């Protein structure tokens, strides 16, 4: 990603959140903290209404706003297709906000693009017989966002072996029709992936966790980019 593109992406990232720590920006864009500080200064010097400091976090001024993005027909169709694909495995807690977001997307489109998107929707079907695996829940997404450790009861999809684990949720991987939670597993002392529909119990521990060196989500995926059996093993 070129620097100008990254600066715009960072501004949009800030616009969708109340306050963002420098380490969150570094992890999101896979850059160093020094680069984050330099980019924030560049945005401020360019007139972006960014408040905050390196220690306190950053946010856009409450008196400011970013103009809505203007989507091309191709972009609107791509988002519509993605929403339908996710709805095939979305739980009720996720399905409702997904439906609201899709409605807002349609409302923001011009008449010609809206007609094109609605025509595409009529040509997309997700039969009930393919809805066999559960997608991520609101609890899972919240744990990933807030770095909350959880205890899970897990049934291995290959051996059916039952186990209890304390895990640190890091991110999600979609493989075929199944969603997998990538997490640091205290039992194995390494990264593991847990199939969402085989997590039988989900209990927050009340503890938060810090990033582990070499075990961020992006580093794990880079290390196991081929989704090696070791990552998905029990």
Protein backbone atom coordinates (compact mmCIF):
# COMPACT_ATOMS: atom_id res chain seq x y z
CA UNK A 1 0.00 0.00 0.00
CA UNK A 2 1.42 3.37 -1.00
CA UNK A 3 1.73 6.02 1.69
CA UNK A 4 -1.01 8.29 0.33
CA UNK A 5 -3.42 5.34 0.21
CA UNK A 6 -2.43 4.35 3.74
CA UNK A 7 -2.97 7.88 5.09
CA UNK A 8 -6.49 7.95 3.65
CA UNK A 9 -7.18 4.47 5.01
CA UNK A 10 -6.00 5.54 8.48
CA UNK A 11 -8.28 8.59 8.37
CA UNK A 12 -11.26 6.35 7.51
CA UNK A 13 -10.20 3.89 10.23
CA UNK A 14 -10.28 6.70 12.80
CA UNK A 15 -13.63 7.92 11.52
CA UNK A 16 -15.30 4.61 12.40
CA UNK A 17 -14.07 4.50 16.02
CA UNK A 18 -14.24 6.65 19.14
CA UNK A 19 -10.57 6.35 20.03
CA UNK A 20 -7.73 4.30 18.57
CA UNK A 21 -4.40 3.43 20.16
CA UNK A 22 -1.24 3.64 18.08
CA UNK A 23 -0.68 -0.10 18.46
CA UNK A 24 -4.16 -0.76 16.99
CA UNK A 25 -3.25 1.27 13.91
CA UNK A 26 0.11 -0.50 13.66
CA UNK A 27 -1.56 -3.91 13.80
CA UNK A 28 -4.35 -2.99 11.38
CA UNK A 29 -1.97 -1.71 8.69
CA UNK A 30 1.04 -3.89 9.58
CA UNK A 31 3.38 -0.94 10.11
CA UNK A 32 5.72 0.07 12.93
CA UNK A 33 4.73 2.40 15.78
CA UNK A 34 7.25 4.93 14.48
CA UNK A 35 5.45 4.92 11.13
CA UNK A 36 2.10 5.39 12.89
CA UNK A 37 3.39 8.47 14.74
CA UNK A 38 4.82 9.90 11.51
CA UNK A 39 1.57 9.29 9.62
CA UNK A 40 -0.51 10.91 12.37
CA UNK A 41 1.68 14.01 12.29
CA UNK A 42 1.36 14.13 8.50
CA UNK A 43 -2.45 13.94 8.70
CA UNK A 44 -2.59 16.65 11.36
CA UNK A 45 -0.28 18.90 9.35
CA UNK A 46 -2.49 18.33 6.29
CA UNK A 47 -5.50 19.67 8.22
CA UNK A 48 -7.24 16.47 9.29
CA UNK A 49 -9.01 17.19 12.65
CA UNK A 50 -7.22 14.46 14.59
CA UNK A 51 -7.12 14.81 18.37
CA UNK A 52 -4.93 12.93 20.83
CA UNK A 53 -1.35 11.89 21.43
CA UNK A 54 0.74 8.76 21.14
CA UNK A 55 0.07 7.77 24.75
CA UNK A 56 -3.64 8.59 24.94
CA UNK A 57 -4.76 7.40 21.53
CA UNK A 58 -6.24 9.23 18.58
CA UNK A 59 -9.69 10.15 17.32
CA UNK A 60 -11.32 12.51 14.87
CA UNK A 61 -12.70 15.68 16.44
CA UNK A 62 -16.33 15.31 17.49
CA UNK A 63 -17.09 18.50 15.57
CA UNK A 64 -15.89 16.97 12.33
CA UNK A 65 -17.14 14.32 9.97
CA UNK A 66 -16.00 12.52 6.84
CA UNK A 67 -18.16 12.76 3.76
CA UNK A 68 -19.87 9.49 2.81
CA UNK A 69 -18.05 7.38 0.29
CA UNK A 70 -19.48 7.23 -3.19
CA UNK A 71 -19.54 3.59 -4.26
CA UNK A 72 -19.26 2.49 -7.84
CA UNK A 73 -21.79 -0.10 -9.07
CA UNK A 74 -19.06 -2.77 -9.01
CA UNK A 75 -18.16 -1.91 -5.40
CA UNK A 76 -21.82 -1.96 -4.32
CA UNK A 77 -22.34 -5.34 -5.99
CA UNK A 78 -19.22 -6.75 -4.31
CA UNK A 79 -20.48 -5.66 -0.87
CA UNK A 80 -23.93 -7.09 -1.58
CA UNK A 81 -22.42 -10.42 -2.59
CA UNK A 82 -20.25 -10.47 0.54
CA UNK A 83 -23.27 -9.74 2.76
CA UNK A 84 -25.24 -12.62 1.25
CA UNK A 85 -22.29 -14.98 1.65
CA UNK A 86 -21.88 -14.07 5.31
CA UNK A 87 -25.62 -14.31 5.99
CA UNK A 88 -25.44 -18.02 5.14
CA UNK A 89 -23.66 -18.68 8.44
CA UNK A 90 -24.53 -15.60 10.50
CA UNK A 91 -26.10 -16.13 13.90
CA UNK A 92 -29.22 -14.10 14.79
CA UNK A 93 -27.12 -11.60 16.80
CA UNK A 94 -25.03 -10.89 13.70
CA UNK A 95 -27.75 -11.31 11.09
CA UNK A 96 -29.77 -8.32 12.31
CA UNK A 97 -26.96 -5.72 12.13
CA UNK A 98 -25.91 -7.23 8.80
CA UNK A 99 -29.41 -6.64 7.44
CA UNK A 100 -29.41 -3.06 8.76
CA UNK A 101 -26.03 -2.38 7.17
CA UNK A 102 -27.21 -3.76 3.82
CA UNK A 103 -30.31 -1.53 3.98
CA UNK A 104 -28.14 1.53 4.68
CA UNK A 105 -25.91 0.59 1.77
CA UNK A 106 -28.89 0.42 -0.58
CA UNK A 107 -30.25 3.73 0.70
CA UNK A 108 -26.98 5.50 -0.10
CA UNK A 109 -26.93 4.41 -3.75
CA UNK A 110 -28.17 6.34 -6.74
CA UNK A 111 -31.25 4.97 -8.53
CA UNK A 112 -29.37 3.22 -11.33
CA UNK A 113 -26.91 1.51 -8.99
CA UNK A 114 -29.71 0.53 -6.58
CA UNK A 115 -31.62 -1.15 -9.40
CA UNK A 116 -28.47 -2.98 -10.43
CA UNK A 117 -27.85 -4.19 -6.86
CA UNK A 118 -31.47 -5.28 -6.35
CA UNK A 119 -31.34 -7.22 -9.61
CA UNK A 120 -28.20 -8.97 -8.38
CA UNK A 121 -29.89 -9.81 -5.06
CA UNK A 122 -32.72 -11.54 -6.93
CA UNK A 123 -30.10 -13.72 -8.60
CA UNK A 124 -28.44 -14.86 -5.36
CA UNK A 125 -29.87 -17.73 -3.33
CA UNK A 126 -28.52 -19.45 -0.22
CA UNK A 127 -30.48 -22.73 0.18
CA UNK A 128 -31.22 -23.96 3.68
CA UNK A 129 -29.28 -27.19 3.15
CA UNK A 130 -25.98 -25.26 2.94
CA UNK A 131 -26.58 -23.50 6.25
CA UNK A 132 -24.85 -26.24 8.19
CA UNK A 133 -22.18 -24.39 10.12
CA UNK A 134 -22.43 -21.49 12.53
CA UNK A 135 -20.68 -18.24 11.84
CA UNK A 136 -19.00 -15.94 14.35
CA UNK A 137 -21.25 -14.57 17.08
CA UNK A 138 -21.29 -11.11 18.59
CA UNK A 139 -19.50 -12.53 21.64
CA UNK A 140 -16.68 -13.87 19.46
CA UNK A 141 -16.28 -10.57 17.63
CA UNK A 142 -16.29 -8.62 20.90
CA UNK A 143 -13.60 -10.88 22.38
CA UNK A 144 -11.41 -10.33 19.32
CA UNK A 145 -11.92 -6.55 19.41
CA UNK A 146 -11.41 -6.12 23.15
CA UNK A 147 -8.75 -8.84 23.58
CA UNK A 148 -10.77 -10.75 26.15
CA UNK A 149 -9.50 -14.19 27.14
CA UNK A 150 -12.18 -16.90 27.22
CA UNK A 151 -12.54 -20.47 28.36
CA UNK A 152 -14.09 -22.78 25.80
CA UNK A 153 -15.38 -26.34 25.77
CA UNK A 154 -14.31 -27.75 22.43
CA UNK A 155 -15.06 -30.90 20.45
CA UNK A 156 -12.38 -31.71 17.89
CA UNK A 157 -14.09 -32.07 14.46
CA UNK A 158 -11.90 -35.03 13.46
CA UNK A 159 -11.54 -37.07 16.64
CA UNK A 160 -14.59 -35.78 18.58
CA UNK A 161 -12.25 -35.51 21.57
CA UNK A 162 -13.58 -33.12 24.22
CA UNK A 163 -11.35 -30.55 25.89
CA UNK A 164 -11.50 -27.33 27.84
CA UNK A 165 -9.14 -24.52 26.84
CA UNK A 166 -8.33 -20.98 27.86
CA UNK A 167 -7.73 -19.10 24.62
CA UNK A 168 -6.88 -15.59 23.48
CA UNK A 169 -9.03 -14.87 20.38
CA UNK A 170 -7.07 -13.19 17.59
CA UNK A 171 -9.03 -13.47 14.35
CA UNK A 172 -11.24 -15.50 12.04
CA UNK A 173 -10.60 -17.69 9.00
CA UNK A 174 -13.29 -18.95 6.64
CA UNK A 175 -12.47 -22.34 5.09
CA UNK A 176 -15.16 -23.62 2.77
CA UNK A 177 -18.45 -23.53 4.68
CA UNK A 178 -16.80 -23.43 8.11
CA UNK A 179 -15.57 -20.53 10.22
CA UNK A 180 -12.49 -21.04 12.41
CA UNK A 181 -11.34 -18.94 15.35
CA UNK A 182 -7.57 -18.42 15.38
CA UNK A 183 -6.38 -17.99 18.96
CA UNK A 184 -3.45 -18.45 21.28
CA UNK A 185 -4.13 -21.65 23.22
CA UNK A 186 -2.77 -21.73 26.78
CA UNK A 187 -2.91 -25.53 26.77
CA UNK A 188 -0.70 -25.89 23.66
CA UNK A 189 1.26 -22.67 24.27
CA UNK A 190 0.92 -21.82 20.61
CA UNK A 191 -1.60 -20.70 18.03
CA UNK A 192 -4.47 -23.00 17.20
CA UNK A 193 -7.65 -22.73 15.14
CA UNK A 194 -11.01 -23.79 16.58
CA UNK A 195 -14.00 -24.49 14.38
CA UNK A 196 -16.77 -22.16 15.52
CA UNK A 197 -19.60 -24.71 15.36
CA UNK A 198 -17.56 -27.12 17.53
CA UNK A 199 -17.19 -24.64 20.39
CA UNK A 200 -19.81 -26.01 22.78
CA UNK A 201 -19.36 -23.49 25.57
CA UNK A 202 -17.97 -19.96 25.60
CA UNK A 203 -17.15 -18.39 28.98
CA UNK A 204 -15.32 -15.05 29.32
CA UNK A 205 -12.63 -15.24 32.01
CA UNK A 206 -12.83 -11.54 32.81
CA UNK A 207 -9.17 -11.15 31.86
CA UNK A 208 -7.70 -9.20 28.98
CA UNK A 209 -4.53 -10.18 27.17
CA UNK A 210 -1.67 -8.35 25.53
CA UNK A 211 -0.21 -9.08 22.12
CA UNK A 212 2.39 -11.85 22.19
CA UNK A 213 5.58 -11.39 20.23
CA UNK A 214 5.41 -13.30 16.97
CA UNK A 215 1.82 -14.37 17.63
CA UNK A 216 -0.33 -11.58 16.25
CA UNK A 217 -3.06 -12.69 13.84
CA UNK A 218 -1.17 -11.37 10.81
CA UNK A 219 2.05 -13.09 11.91
CA UNK A 220 0.28 -16.41 12.47
CA UNK A 221 -1.36 -16.29 9.05
CA UNK A 222 1.96 -15.34 7.44
CA UNK A 223 3.65 -18.23 9.25
CA UNK A 224 0.88 -20.69 8.46
CA UNK A 225 -0.28 -19.08 5.23
CA UNK A 226 -1.03 -22.46 3.73
CA UNK A 227 -3.31 -23.15 6.76
CA UNK A 228 -1.07 -25.98 7.87
CA UNK A 229 -2.44 -28.97 9.76
CA UNK A 230 -0.39 -27.92 12.78
CA UNK A 231 -2.43 -24.74 13.14
CA UNK A 232 -5.73 -26.56 12.80
CA UNK A 233 -4.73 -29.57 14.90
CA UNK A 234 -5.94 -30.22 18.42
